[in-house]
Amino acid sequence: MSLGVRILVVLASLSGLLGVGLSAAAAHITGGNLTTAAQFLLFHAPALLALVALITVGAVSPMVGQVAGYMLVLGLALFCGDLSRRAFSGVALFPRAAPMGGIVLMAGWLLVGISALLPARA
């Protein structure tokens, strides 16, 4: 397994870890935005692991699959980071960070689908 794919596994585990932590915080501290951020992190953690599995077995194009995975991680960082910062401090990460993160997430998911249509390994 390449270093890039291994890093995706680590980032998937971080997504799960943060999702559980934010879920607890949302239940005890606040709600709304924090709950949404936690759910996005928890939903994407197994999706990233599944993408790594697809890359590893050669079911998807490795290059496009990795780019898709990193786009998903970037989208999560922007979207969930903005919602979390707003929940904890009332301040945005930067203007339009959450919508930008959502668009990057959608593009990442589109690339996941494209990676299945392109030649995988020979």
PDB file of N, CA and C in Angstrom:
ATOM      1  N   MET A   1       0.847  -1.161   0.000  1.00  0.00           N
ATOM      2  CA  MET A   1       0.000   0.000   0.000  1.00  0.00           C
ATOM      3  C   MET A   1       0.899   1.233   0.000  1.00  0.00           C
ATOM      4  N   SER A   2       0.603   2.162  -0.875  1.00  0.00           N
ATOM      5  CA  SER A   2       1.437   3.364  -0.999  1.00  0.00           C
ATOM      6  C   SER A   2       1.266   4.286   0.208  1.00  0.00           C
ATOM      7  N   LEU A   3       2.202   5.196   0.370  1.00  0.00           N
ATOM      8  CA  LEU A   3       2.149   6.149   1.474  1.00  0.00           C
ATOM      9  C   LEU A   3       0.889   7.006   1.379  1.00  0.00           C
ATOM     10  N   GLY A   4       0.538   7.417   0.179  1.00  0.00           N
ATOM     11  CA  GLY A   4      -0.660   8.246  -0.001  1.00  0.00           C
ATOM     12  C   GLY A   4      -1.916   7.543   0.461  1.00  0.00           C
ATOM     13  N   VAL A   5      -2.010   6.244   0.187  1.00  0.00           N
ATOM     14  CA  VAL A   5      -3.172   5.460   0.610  1.00  0.00           C
ATOM     15  C   VAL A   5      -3.139   5.262   2.125  1.00  0.00           C
ATOM     16  N   ARG A   6      -1.971   5.019   2.685  1.00  0.00           N
ATOM     17  CA  ARG A   6      -1.843   4.874   4.147  1.00  0.00           C
ATOM     18  C   ARG A   6      -2.265   6.160   4.861  1.00  0.00           C
ATOM     19  N   ILE A   7      -1.894   7.283   4.299  1.00  0.00           N
ATOM     20  CA  ILE A   7      -2.286   8.560   4.896  1.00  0.00           C
ATOM     21  C   ILE A   7      -3.799   8.709   4.864  1.00  0.00           C
ATOM     22  N   LEU A   8      -4.443   8.252   3.791  1.00  0.00           N
ATOM     23  CA  LEU A   8      -5.904   8.296   3.736  1.00  0.00           C
ATOM     24  C   LEU A   8      -6.517   7.468   4.866  1.00  0.00           C
ATOM     25  N   VAL A   9      -5.926   6.317   5.187  1.00  0.00           N
ATOM     26  CA  VAL A   9      -6.423   5.504   6.305  1.00  0.00           C
ATOM     27  C   VAL A   9      -6.302   6.297   7.610  1.00  0.00           C
ATOM     28  N   VAL A  10      -5.161   6.932   7.816  1.00  0.00           N
ATOM     29  CA  VAL A  10      -4.963   7.739   9.032  1.00  0.00           C
ATOM     30  C   VAL A  10      -5.990   8.873   9.086  1.00  0.00           C
ATOM     31  N   LEU A  11      -6.233   9.527   7.969  1.00  0.00           N
ATOM     32  CA  LEU A  11      -7.199  10.621   7.936  1.00  0.00           C
ATOM     33  C   LEU A  11      -8.620  10.104   8.157  1.00  0.00           C
ATOM     34  N   ALA A  12      -8.925   8.913   7.661  1.00  0.00           N
ATOM     35  CA  ALA A  12     -10.235   8.300   7.921  1.00  0.00           C
ATOM     36  C   ALA A  12     -10.408   8.054   9.413  1.00  0.00           C
ATOM     37  N   SER A  13      -9.356   7.552  10.061  1.00  0.00           N
ATOM     38  CA  SER A  13      -9.456   7.304  11.497  1.00  0.00           C
ATOM     39  C   SER A  13      -9.604   8.618  12.260  1.00  0.00           C
ATOM     40  N   LEU A  14      -8.938   9.665  11.802  1.00  0.00           N
ATOM     41  CA  LEU A  14      -9.076  10.969  12.433  1.00  0.00           C
ATOM     42  C   LEU A  14     -10.496  11.506  12.262  1.00  0.00           C
ATOM     43  N   SER A  15     -11.085  11.270  11.110  1.00  0.00           N
ATOM     44  CA  SER A  15     -12.464  11.673  10.871  1.00  0.00           C
ATOM     45  C   SER A  15     -13.400  10.974  11.853  1.00  0.00           C
ATOM     46  N   GLY A  16     -13.212   9.681  12.036  1.00  0.00           N
ATOM     47  CA  GLY A  16     -14.033   8.945  12.998  1.00  0.00           C
ATOM     48  C   GLY A  16     -13.826   9.443  14.417  1.00  0.00           C
ATOM     49  N   LEU A  17     -12.573   9.637  14.800  1.00  0.00           N
ATOM     50  CA  LEU A  17     -12.239  10.115  16.140  1.00  0.00           C
ATOM     51  C   LEU A  17     -12.893  11.468  16.419  1.00  0.00           C
ATOM     52  N   LEU A  18     -12.726  12.405  15.493  1.00  0.00           N
ATOM     53  CA  LEU A  18     -13.306  13.734  15.677  1.00  0.00           C
ATOM     54  C   LEU A  18     -14.829  13.690  15.636  1.00  0.00           C
ATOM     55  N   GLY A  19     -15.374  12.815  14.815  1.00  0.00           N
ATOM     56  CA  GLY A  19     -16.835  12.681  14.752  1.00  0.00           C
ATOM     57  C   GLY A  19     -17.422  12.221  16.074  1.00  0.00           C
ATOM     58  N   VAL A  20     -16.774  11.265  16.715  1.00  0.00           N
ATOM     59  CA  VAL A  20     -17.249  10.798  18.017  1.00  0.00           C
ATOM     60  C   VAL A  20     -17.105  11.915  19.057  1.00  0.00           C
ATOM     61  N   GLY A  21     -15.954  12.588  19.056  1.00  0.00           N
ATOM     62  CA  GLY A  21     -15.740  13.677  20.002  1.00  0.00           C
ATOM     63  C   GLY A  21     -16.736  14.807  19.834  1.00  0.00           C
ATOM     64  N   LEU A  22     -16.987  15.194  18.592  1.00  0.00           N
ATOM     65  CA  LEU A  22     -17.948  16.272  18.345  1.00  0.00           C
ATOM     66  C   LEU A  22     -19.373  15.846  18.669  1.00  0.00           C
ATOM     67  N   SER A  23     -19.681  14.568  18.466  1.00  0.00           N
ATOM     68  CA  SER A  23     -21.012  14.067  18.844  1.00  0.00           C
ATOM     69  C   SER A  23     -21.217  14.215  20.346  1.00  0.00           C
ATOM     70  N   ALA A  24     -20.193  13.865  21.118  1.00  0.00           N
ATOM     71  CA  ALA A  24     -20.281  14.016  22.574  1.00  0.00           C
ATOM     72  C   ALA A  24     -20.416  15.491  22.955  1.00  0.00           C
ATOM     73  N   ALA A  25     -19.624  16.339  22.321  1.00  0.00           N
ATOM     74  CA  ALA A  25     -19.695  17.766  22.618  1.00  0.00           C
ATOM     75  C   ALA A  25     -21.069  18.326  22.265  1.00  0.00           C
ATOM     76  N   ALA A  26     -21.612  17.901  21.131  1.00  0.00           N
ATOM     77  CA  ALA A  26     -22.925  18.385  20.708  1.00  0.00           C
ATOM     78  C   ALA A  26     -24.005  17.971  21.700  1.00  0.00           C
ATOM     79  N   ALA A  27     -23.864  16.787  22.259  1.00  0.00           N
ATOM     80  CA  ALA A  27     -24.853  16.299  23.216  1.00  0.00           C
ATOM     81  C   ALA A  27     -24.773  17.042  24.545  1.00  0.00           C
ATOM     82  N   HIS A  28     -23.580  17.502  24.914  1.00  0.00           N
ATOM     83  CA  HIS A  28     -23.401  18.099  26.231  1.00  0.00           C
ATOM     84  C   HIS A  28     -23.240  19.611  26.228  1.00  0.00           C
ATOM     85  N   ILE A  29     -22.772  20.179  25.138  1.00  0.00           N
ATOM     86  CA  ILE A  29     -22.446  21.603  25.130  1.00  0.00           C
ATOM     87  C   ILE A  29     -23.443  22.389  24.285  1.00  0.00           C
ATOM     88  N   THR A  30     -23.542  22.018  23.055  1.00  0.00           N
ATOM     89  CA  THR A  30     -24.341  22.782  22.109  1.00  0.00           C
ATOM     90  C   THR A  30     -25.056  21.789  21.195  1.00  0.00           C
ATOM     91  N   GLY A  31     -25.463  22.159  20.092  1.00  0.00           N
ATOM     92  CA  GLY A  31     -26.130  21.255  19.142  1.00  0.00           C
ATOM     93  C   GLY A  31     -25.990  21.822  17.764  1.00  0.00           C
ATOM     94  N   GLY A  32     -27.024  21.695  16.964  1.00  0.00           N
ATOM     95  CA  GLY A  32     -27.077  22.319  15.653  1.00  0.00           C
ATOM     96  C   GLY A  32     -25.880  22.065  14.776  1.00  0.00           C
ATOM     97  N   ASN A  33     -25.058  23.095  14.609  1.00  0.00           N
ATOM     98  CA  ASN A  33     -23.901  23.010  13.725  1.00  0.00           C
ATOM     99  C   ASN A  33     -22.940  21.905  14.135  1.00  0.00           C
ATOM    100  N   LEU A  34     -22.751  21.744  15.434  1.00  0.00           N
ATOM    101  CA  LEU A  34     -21.804  20.740  15.911  1.00  0.00           C
ATOM    102  C   LEU A  34     -22.305  19.335  15.601  1.00  0.00           C
ATOM    103  N   THR A  35     -23.600  19.119  15.734  1.00  0.00           N
ATOM    104  CA  THR A  35     -24.184  17.820  15.399  1.00  0.00           C
ATOM    105  C   THR A  35     -23.985  17.511  13.918  1.00  0.00           C
ATOM    106  N   THR A  36     -24.225  18.507  13.074  1.00  0.00           N
ATOM    107  CA  THR A  36     -24.048  18.319  11.633  1.00  0.00           C
ATOM    108  C   THR A  36     -22.596  17.992  11.308  1.00  0.00           C
ATOM    109  N   ALA A  37     -21.663  18.719  11.903  1.00  0.00           N
ATOM    110  CA  ALA A  37     -20.235  18.463  11.661  1.00  0.00           C
ATOM    111  C   ALA A  37     -19.871  17.051  12.101  1.00  0.00           C
ATOM    112  N   ALA A  38     -20.352  16.639  13.271  1.00  0.00           N
ATOM    113  CA  ALA A  38     -20.057  15.294  13.780  1.00  0.00           C
ATOM    114  C   ALA A  38     -20.601  14.231  12.836  1.00  0.00           C
ATOM    115  N   GLN A  39     -21.813  14.409  12.368  1.00  0.00           N
ATOM    116  CA  GLN A  39     -22.414  13.427  11.459  1.00  0.00           C
ATOM    117  C   GLN A  39     -21.621  13.327  10.159  1.00  0.00           C
ATOM    118  N   PHE A  40     -21.218  14.452   9.603  1.00  0.00           N
ATOM    119  CA  PHE A  40     -20.438  14.419   8.363  1.00  0.00           C
ATOM    120  C   PHE A  40     -19.130  13.662   8.563  1.00  0.00           C
ATOM    121  N   LEU A  41     -18.460  13.925   9.678  1.00  0.00           N
ATOM    122  CA  LEU A  41     -17.198  13.223   9.952  1.00  0.00           C
ATOM    123  C   LEU A  41     -17.434  11.724  10.110  1.00  0.00           C
ATOM    124  N   LEU A  42     -18.472  11.368  10.850  1.00  0.00           N
ATOM    125  CA  LEU A  42     -18.741   9.942  11.080  1.00  0.00           C
ATOM    126  C   LEU A  42     -19.189   9.229   9.808  1.00  0.00           C
ATOM    127  N   PHE A  43     -19.932   9.895   8.950  1.00  0.00           N
ATOM    128  CA  PHE A  43     -20.365   9.274   7.693  1.00  0.00           C
ATOM    129  C   PHE A  43     -19.201   9.075   6.731  1.00  0.00           C
ATOM    130  N   HIS A  44     -18.271  10.002   6.753  1.00  0.00           N
ATOM    131  CA  HIS A  44     -17.178   9.937   5.787  1.00  0.00           C
ATOM    132  C   HIS A  44     -16.022   9.044   6.229  1.00  0.00           C
ATOM    133  N   ALA A  45     -15.880   8.777   7.513  1.00  0.00           N
ATOM    134  CA  ALA A  45     -14.791   7.911   7.980  1.00  0.00           C
ATOM    135  C   ALA A  45     -14.864   6.527   7.326  1.00  0.00           C
ATOM    136  N   PRO A  46     -15.995   5.808   7.397  1.00  0.00           N
ATOM    137  CA  PRO A  46     -16.036   4.503   6.731  1.00  0.00           C
ATOM    138  C   PRO A  46     -15.989   4.611   5.207  1.00  0.00           C
ATOM    139  N   ALA A  47     -16.501   5.718   4.663  1.00  0.00           N
ATOM    140  CA  ALA A  47     -16.437   5.906   3.209  1.00  0.00           C
ATOM    141  C   ALA A  47     -14.990   6.010   2.756  1.00  0.00           C
ATOM    142  N   LEU A  48     -14.181   6.732   3.512  1.00  0.00           N
ATOM    143  CA  LEU A  48     -12.752   6.845   3.170  1.00  0.00           C
ATOM    144  C   LEU A  48     -12.059   5.494   3.286  1.00  0.00           C
ATOM    145  N   LEU A  49     -12.398   4.731   4.314  1.00  0.00           N
ATOM    146  CA  LEU A  49     -11.801   3.392   4.455  1.00  0.00           C
ATOM    147  C   LEU A  49     -12.222   2.488   3.297  1.00  0.00           C
ATOM    148  N   ALA A  50     -13.471   2.588   2.887  1.00  0.00           N
ATOM    149  CA  ALA A  50     -13.936   1.794   1.744  1.00  0.00           C
ATOM    150  C   ALA A  50     -13.208   2.204   0.469  1.00  0.00           C
ATOM    151  N   LEU A  51     -12.993   3.499   0.297  1.00  0.00           N
ATOM    152  CA  LEU A  51     -12.255   3.970  -0.881  1.00  0.00           C
ATOM    153  C   LEU A  51     -10.837   3.416  -0.881  1.00  0.00           C
ATOM    154  N   VAL A  52     -10.189   3.407   0.284  1.00  0.00           N
ATOM    155  CA  VAL A  52      -8.849   2.825   0.392  1.00  0.00           C
ATOM    156  C   VAL A  52      -8.885   1.349  -0.001  1.00  0.00           C
ATOM    157  N   ALA A  53      -9.902   0.637   0.454  1.00  0.00           N
ATOM    158  CA  ALA A  53     -10.024  -0.787   0.099  1.00  0.00           C
ATOM    159  C   ALA A  53     -10.194  -0.950  -1.409  1.00  0.00           C
ATOM    160  N   LEU A  54     -11.000  -0.108  -2.020  1.00  0.00           N
ATOM    161  CA  LEU A  54     -11.202  -0.184  -3.470  1.00  0.00           C
ATOM    162  C   LEU A  54      -9.906   0.109  -4.227  1.00  0.00           C
ATOM    163  N   ILE A  55      -9.143   1.082  -3.735  1.00  0.00           N
ATOM    164  CA  ILE A  55      -7.862   1.392  -4.363  1.00  0.00           C
ATOM    165  C   ILE A  55      -6.916   0.208  -4.213  1.00  0.00           C
ATOM    166  N   THR A  56      -6.866  -0.359  -3.016  1.00  0.00           N
ATOM    167  CA  THR A  56      -5.932  -1.440  -2.717  1.00  0.00           C
ATOM    168  C   THR A  56      -6.188  -2.689  -3.553  1.00  0.00           C
ATOM    169  N   VAL A  57      -7.450  -3.015  -3.774  1.00  0.00           N
ATOM    170  CA  VAL A  57      -7.759  -4.218  -4.558  1.00  0.00           C
ATOM    171  C   VAL A  57      -7.779  -3.946  -6.053  1.00  0.00           C
ATOM    172  N   GLY A  58      -7.554  -2.684  -6.443  1.00  0.00           N
ATOM    173  CA  GLY A  58      -7.486  -2.364  -7.865  1.00  0.00           C
ATOM    174  C   GLY A  58      -8.842  -2.207  -8.527  1.00  0.00           C
ATOM    175  N   ALA A  59      -9.884  -1.932  -7.736  1.00  0.00           N
ATOM    176  CA  ALA A  59     -11.218  -1.789  -8.301  1.00  0.00           C
ATOM    177  C   ALA A  59     -11.464  -0.395  -8.884  1.00  0.00           C
ATOM    178  N   VAL A  60     -10.635   0.566  -8.498  1.00  0.00           N
ATOM    179  CA  VAL A  60     -10.763   1.930  -9.011  1.00  0.00           C
ATOM    180  C   VAL A  60      -9.388   2.425  -9.431  1.00  0.00           C
ATOM    181  N   SER A  61      -9.375   3.468 -10.215  1.00  0.00           N
ATOM    182  CA  SER A  61      -8.112   4.078 -10.625  1.00  0.00           C
ATOM    183  C   SER A  61      -7.400   4.591  -9.376  1.00  0.00           C
ATOM    184  N   PRO A  62      -6.187   4.104  -9.111  1.00  0.00           N
ATOM    185  CA  PRO A  62      -5.505   4.510  -7.874  1.00  0.00           C
ATOM    186  C   PRO A  62      -5.256   6.016  -7.774  1.00  0.00           C
ATOM    187  N   MET A  63      -4.827   6.627  -8.848  1.00  0.00           N
ATOM    188  CA  MET A  63      -4.528   8.060  -8.807  1.00  0.00           C
ATOM    189  C   MET A  63      -5.788   8.882  -8.585  1.00  0.00           C
ATOM    190  N   VAL A  64      -6.815   8.618  -9.379  1.00  0.00           N
ATOM    191  CA  VAL A  64      -8.053   9.388  -9.250  1.00  0.00           C
ATOM    192  C   VAL A  64      -8.722   9.076  -7.905  1.00  0.00           C
ATOM    193  N   GLY A  65      -8.648   7.827  -7.459  1.00  0.00           N
ATOM    194  CA  GLY A  65      -9.204   7.456  -6.164  1.00  0.00           C
ATOM    195  C   GLY A  65      -8.532   8.204  -5.023  1.00  0.00           C
ATOM    196  N   GLN A  66      -7.217   8.324  -5.075  1.00  0.00           N
ATOM    197  CA  GLN A  66      -6.507   9.064  -4.025  1.00  0.00           C
ATOM    198  C   GLN A  66      -6.850  10.547  -4.066  1.00  0.00           C
ATOM    199  N   VAL A  67      -6.911  11.121  -5.250  1.00  0.00           N
ATOM    200  CA  VAL A  67      -7.288  12.535  -5.357  1.00  0.00           C
ATOM    201  C   VAL A  67      -8.694  12.732  -4.786  1.00  0.00           C
ATOM    202  N   ALA A  68      -9.597  11.813  -5.111  1.00  0.00           N
ATOM    203  CA  ALA A  68     -10.959  11.885  -4.574  1.00  0.00           C
ATOM    204  C   ALA A  68     -10.943  11.834  -3.052  1.00  0.00           C
ATOM    205  N   GLY A  69     -10.161  10.931  -2.494  1.00  0.00           N
ATOM    206  CA  GLY A  69     -10.073  10.804  -1.047  1.00  0.00           C
ATOM    207  C   GLY A  69      -9.565  12.068  -0.391  1.00  0.00           C
ATOM    208  N   TYR A  70      -8.530  12.651  -0.970  1.00  0.00           N
ATOM    209  CA  TYR A  70      -7.990  13.875  -0.400  1.00  0.00           C
ATOM    210  C   TYR A  70      -8.948  15.055  -0.575  1.00  0.00           C
ATOM    211  N   MET A  71      -9.713  15.052  -1.646  1.00  0.00           N
ATOM    212  CA  MET A  71     -10.732  16.102  -1.804  1.00  0.00           C
ATOM    213  C   MET A  71     -11.809  15.949  -0.732  1.00  0.00           C
ATOM    214  N   LEU A  72     -12.196  14.699  -0.439  1.00  0.00           N
ATOM    215  CA  LEU A  72     -13.175  14.472   0.620  1.00  0.00           C
ATOM    216  C   LEU A  72     -12.635  14.989   1.959  1.00  0.00           C
ATOM    217  N   VAL A  73     -11.376  14.709   2.237  1.00  0.00           N
ATOM    218  CA  VAL A  73     -10.772  15.169   3.493  1.00  0.00           C
ATOM    219  C   VAL A  73     -10.728  16.703   3.532  1.00  0.00           C
ATOM    220  N   LEU A  74     -10.330  17.341   2.450  1.00  0.00           N
ATOM    221  CA  LEU A  74     -10.291  18.800   2.403  1.00  0.00           C
ATOM    222  C   LEU A  74     -11.691  19.383   2.593  1.00  0.00           C
ATOM    223  N   GLY A  75     -12.664  18.792   1.914  1.00  0.00           N
ATOM    224  CA  GLY A  75     -14.047  19.257   2.067  1.00  0.00           C
ATOM    225  C   GLY A  75     -14.529  19.120   3.502  1.00  0.00           C
ATOM    226  N   LEU A  76     -14.198  18.000   4.138  1.00  0.00           N
ATOM    227  CA  LEU A  76     -14.564  17.805   5.544  1.00  0.00           C
ATOM    228  C   LEU A  76     -13.904  18.853   6.435  1.00  0.00           C
ATOM    229  N   ALA A  77     -12.623  19.121   6.180  1.00  0.00           N
ATOM    230  CA  ALA A  77     -11.907  20.103   6.995  1.00  0.00           C
ATOM    231  C   ALA A  77     -12.558  21.473   6.887  1.00  0.00           C
ATOM    232  N   LEU A  78     -12.910  21.881   5.678  1.00  0.00           N
ATOM    233  CA  LEU A  78     -13.529  23.189   5.488  1.00  0.00           C
ATOM    234  C   LEU A  78     -14.940  23.232   6.072  1.00  0.00           C
ATOM    235  N   PHE A  79     -15.761  22.249   5.709  1.00  0.00           N
ATOM    236  CA  PHE A  79     -17.161  22.240   6.125  1.00  0.00           C
ATOM    237  C   PHE A  79     -17.287  22.046   7.637  1.00  0.00           C
ATOM    238  N   CYS A  80     -16.695  20.975   8.142  1.00  0.00           N
ATOM    239  CA  CYS A  80     -16.813  20.662   9.568  1.00  0.00           C
ATOM    240  C   CYS A  80     -16.006  21.634  10.419  1.00  0.00           C
ATOM    241  N   GLY A  81     -14.872  22.071   9.910  1.00  0.00           N
ATOM    242  CA  GLY A  81     -14.076  23.050  10.638  1.00  0.00           C
ATOM    243  C   GLY A  81     -14.840  24.347  10.835  1.00  0.00           C
ATOM    244  N   ASP A  82     -15.503  24.804   9.781  1.00  0.00           N
ATOM    245  CA  ASP A  82     -16.261  26.042   9.883  1.00  0.00           C
ATOM    246  C   ASP A  82     -17.438  25.882  10.845  1.00  0.00           C
ATOM    247  N   LEU A  83     -18.206  24.803  10.707  1.00  0.00           N
ATOM    248  CA  LEU A  83     -19.351  24.597  11.595  1.00  0.00           C
ATOM    249  C   LEU A  83     -18.908  24.465  13.049  1.00  0.00           C
ATOM    250  N   SER A  84     -17.803  23.760  13.272  1.00  0.00           N
ATOM    251  CA  SER A  84     -17.307  23.568  14.639  1.00  0.00           C
ATOM    252  C   SER A  84     -16.824  24.883  15.244  1.00  0.00           C
ATOM    253  N   ARG A  85     -16.085  25.633  14.467  1.00  0.00           N
ATOM    254  CA  ARG A  85     -15.580  26.910  14.989  1.00  0.00           C
ATOM    255  C   ARG A  85     -16.730  27.849  15.315  1.00  0.00           C
ATOM    256  N   ARG A  86     -17.747  27.850  14.452  1.00  0.00           N
ATOM    257  CA  ARG A  86     -18.919  28.686  14.720  1.00  0.00           C
ATOM    258  C   ARG A  86     -19.626  28.240  16.002  1.00  0.00           C
ATOM    259  N   ALA A  87     -19.720  26.920  16.202  1.00  0.00           N
ATOM    260  CA  ALA A  87     -20.403  26.399  17.388  1.00  0.00           C
ATOM    261  C   ALA A  87     -19.645  26.738  18.668  1.00  0.00           C
ATOM    262  N   PHE A  88     -18.336  26.658  18.628  1.00  0.00           N
ATOM    263  CA  PHE A  88     -17.538  26.890  19.835  1.00  0.00           C
ATOM    264  C   PHE A  88     -17.229  28.360  20.103  1.00  0.00           C
ATOM    265  N   SER A  89     -17.020  29.141  19.026  1.00  0.00           N
ATOM    266  CA  SER A  89     -16.584  30.521  19.251  1.00  0.00           C
ATOM    267  C   SER A  89     -17.495  31.570  18.623  1.00  0.00           C
ATOM    268  N   GLY A  90     -18.421  31.137  17.772  1.00  0.00           N
ATOM    269  CA  GLY A  90     -19.290  32.092  17.095  1.00  0.00           C
ATOM    270  C   GLY A  90     -18.635  32.808  15.934  1.00  0.00           C
ATOM    271  N   VAL A  91     -17.429  32.365  15.576  1.00  0.00           N
ATOM    272  CA  VAL A  91     -16.672  33.006  14.505  1.00  0.00           C
ATOM    273  C   VAL A  91     -16.466  32.000  13.372  1.00  0.00           C
ATOM    274  N   ALA A  92     -16.621  32.467  12.143  1.00  0.00           N
ATOM    275  CA  ALA A  92     -16.414  31.598  10.982  1.00  0.00           C
ATOM    276  C   ALA A  92     -14.929  31.295  10.801  1.00  0.00           C
ATOM    277  N   LEU A  93     -14.656  30.158  10.193  1.00  0.00           N
ATOM    278  CA  LEU A  93     -13.280  29.806   9.844  1.00  0.00           C
ATOM    279  C   LEU A  93     -12.727  30.877   8.893  1.00  0.00           C
ATOM    280  N   PHE A  94     -13.462  31.143   7.844  1.00  0.00           N
ATOM    281  CA  PHE A  94     -13.272  32.278   6.939  1.00  0.00           C
ATOM    282  C   PHE A  94     -14.555  32.392   6.133  1.00  0.00           C
ATOM    283  N   PRO A  95     -14.828  33.516   5.498  1.00  0.00           N
ATOM    284  CA  PRO A  95     -16.096  33.670   4.785  1.00  0.00           C
ATOM    285  C   PRO A  95     -16.326  32.573   3.750  1.00  0.00           C
ATOM    286  N   ARG A  96     -17.491  31.990   3.807  1.00  0.00           N
ATOM    287  CA  ARG A  96     -17.960  30.962   2.847  1.00  0.00           C
ATOM    288  C   ARG A  96     -17.184  29.649   2.952  1.00  0.00           C
ATOM    289  N   ALA A  97     -16.545  29.382   4.081  1.00  0.00           N
ATOM    290  CA  ALA A  97     -15.775  28.142   4.226  1.00  0.00           C
ATOM    291  C   ALA A  97     -16.676  26.908   4.159  1.00  0.00           C
ATOM    292  N   ALA A  98     -17.826  26.942   4.851  1.00  0.00           N
ATOM    293  CA  ALA A  98     -18.715  25.775   4.848  1.00  0.00           C
ATOM    294  C   ALA A  98     -19.267  25.475   3.452  1.00  0.00           C
ATOM    295  N   PRO A  99     -19.803  26.467   2.738  1.00  0.00           N
ATOM    296  CA  PRO A  99     -20.281  26.148   1.389  1.00  0.00           C
ATOM    297  C   PRO A  99     -19.166  25.673   0.459  1.00  0.00           C
ATOM    298  N   MET A 100     -17.989  26.283   0.603  1.00  0.00           N
ATOM    299  CA  MET A 100     -16.855  25.844  -0.216  1.00  0.00           C
ATOM    300  C   MET A 100     -16.512  24.388   0.115  1.00  0.00           C
ATOM    301  N   GLY A 101     -16.522  24.057   1.405  1.00  0.00           N
ATOM    302  CA  GLY A 101     -16.259  22.682   1.815  1.00  0.00           C
ATOM    303  C   GLY A 101     -17.289  21.722   1.243  1.00  0.00           C
ATOM    304  N   GLY A 102     -18.555  22.139   1.231  1.00  0.00           N
ATOM    305  CA  GLY A 102     -19.608  21.294   0.663  1.00  0.00           C
ATOM    306  C   GLY A 102     -19.400  21.045  -0.826  1.00  0.00           C
ATOM    307  N   ILE A 103     -18.988  22.062  -1.529  1.00  0.00           N
ATOM    308  CA  ILE A 103     -18.721  21.911  -2.966  1.00  0.00           C
ATOM    309  C   ILE A 103     -17.532  20.981  -3.189  1.00  0.00           C
ATOM    310  N   VAL A 104     -16.492  21.131  -2.384  1.00  0.00           N
ATOM    311  CA  VAL A 104     -15.323  20.245  -2.505  1.00  0.00           C
ATOM    312  C   VAL A 104     -15.717  18.801  -2.181  1.00  0.00           C
ATOM    313  N   LEU A 105     -16.582  18.615  -1.178  1.00  0.00           N
ATOM    314  CA  LEU A 105     -17.077  17.262  -0.873  1.00  0.00           C
ATOM    315  C   LEU A 105     -17.826  16.661  -2.060  1.00  0.00           C
ATOM    316  N   MET A 106     -18.694  17.456  -2.661  1.00  0.00           N
ATOM    317  CA  MET A 106     -19.446  16.951  -3.816  1.00  0.00           C
ATOM    318  C   MET A 106     -18.504  16.607  -4.970  1.00  0.00           C
ATOM    319  N   ALA A 107     -17.501  17.434  -5.197  1.00  0.00           N
ATOM    320  CA  ALA A 107     -16.528  17.146  -6.250  1.00  0.00           C
ATOM    321  C   ALA A 107     -15.748  15.874  -5.930  1.00  0.00           C
ATOM    322  N   GLY A 108     -15.415  15.692  -4.660  1.00  0.00           N
ATOM    323  CA  GLY A 108     -14.727  14.466  -4.249  1.00  0.00           C
ATOM    324  C   GLY A 108     -15.568  13.230  -4.524  1.00  0.00           C
ATOM    325  N   TRP A 109     -16.845  13.304  -4.189  1.00  0.00           N
ATOM    326  CA  TRP A 109     -17.729  12.167  -4.461  1.00  0.00           C
ATOM    327  C   TRP A 109     -17.861  11.917  -5.962  1.00  0.00           C
ATOM    328  N   LEU A 110     -17.912  12.973  -6.755  1.00  0.00           N
ATOM    329  CA  LEU A 110     -17.950  12.804  -8.210  1.00  0.00           C
ATOM    330  C   LEU A 110     -16.696  12.078  -8.681  1.00  0.00           C
ATOM    331  N   LEU A 111     -15.547  12.447  -8.148  1.00  0.00           N
ATOM    332  CA  LEU A 111     -14.296  11.776  -8.531  1.00  0.00           C
ATOM    333  C   LEU A 111     -14.265  10.320  -8.080  1.00  0.00           C
ATOM    334  N   VAL A 112     -14.898  10.006  -6.953  1.00  0.00           N
ATOM    335  CA  VAL A 112     -14.984   8.599  -6.538  1.00  0.00           C
ATOM    336  C   VAL A 112     -15.684   7.806  -7.645  1.00  0.00           C
ATOM    337  N   GLY A 113     -16.792   8.335  -8.136  1.00  0.00           N
ATOM    338  CA  GLY A 113     -17.514   7.653  -9.213  1.00  0.00           C
ATOM    339  C   GLY A 113     -16.694   7.566 -10.489  1.00  0.00           C
ATOM    340  N   ILE A 114     -16.027   8.638 -10.840  1.00  0.00           N
ATOM    341  CA  ILE A 114     -15.188   8.640 -12.047  1.00  0.00           C
ATOM    342  C   ILE A 114     -14.051   7.631 -11.909  1.00  0.00           C
ATOM    343  N   SER A 115     -13.498   7.510 -10.692  1.00  0.00           N
ATOM    344  CA  SER A 115     -12.380   6.577 -10.493  1.00  0.00           C
ATOM    345  C   SER A 115     -12.777   5.135 -10.785  1.00  0.00           C
ATOM    346  N   ALA A 116     -14.062   4.834 -10.660  1.00  0.00           N
ATOM    347  CA  ALA A 116     -14.524   3.484 -10.956  1.00  0.00           C
ATOM    348  C   ALA A 116     -14.683   3.268 -12.464  1.00  0.00           C
ATOM    349  N   LEU A 117     -14.803   4.322 -13.216  1.00  0.00           N
ATOM    350  CA  LEU A 117     -14.993   4.212 -14.666  1.00  0.00           C
ATOM    351  C   LEU A 117     -13.681   4.217 -15.431  1.00  0.00           C
ATOM    352  N   LEU A 118     -12.615   4.664 -14.791  1.00  0.00           N
ATOM    353  CA  LEU A 118     -11.316   4.708 -15.442  1.00  0.00           C
ATOM    354  C   LEU A 118     -10.573   3.404 -15.226  1.00  0.00           C
ATOM    355  N   PRO A 119      -9.626   3.095 -16.109  1.00  0.00           N
ATOM    356  CA  PRO A 119      -8.858   1.868 -15.932  1.00  0.00           C
ATOM    357  C   PRO A 119      -8.139   1.871 -14.587  1.00  0.00           C
ATOM    358  N   ALA A 120      -8.249   0.765 -13.886  1.00  0.00           N
ATOM    359  CA  ALA A 120      -7.544   0.633 -12.600  1.00  0.00           C
ATOM    360  C   ALA A 120      -6.130   0.185 -12.882  1.00  0.00           C
ATOM    361  N   ARG A 121      -5.764  -0.969 -12.391  1.00  0.00           N
ATOM    362  CA  ARG A 121      -4.398  -1.488 -12.610  1.00  0.00           C
ATOM    363  C   ARG A 121      -4.394  -2.454 -13.780  1.00  0.00           C
ATOM    364  N   ALA A 122      -3.249  -2.537 -14.410  1.00  0.00           N
ATOM    365  CA  ALA A 122      -3.107  -3.480 -15.527  1.00  0.00           C
ATOM    366  C   ALA A 122      -2.825  -4.867 -14.993  1.00  0.00           C
TER     367      ALA A 122
END
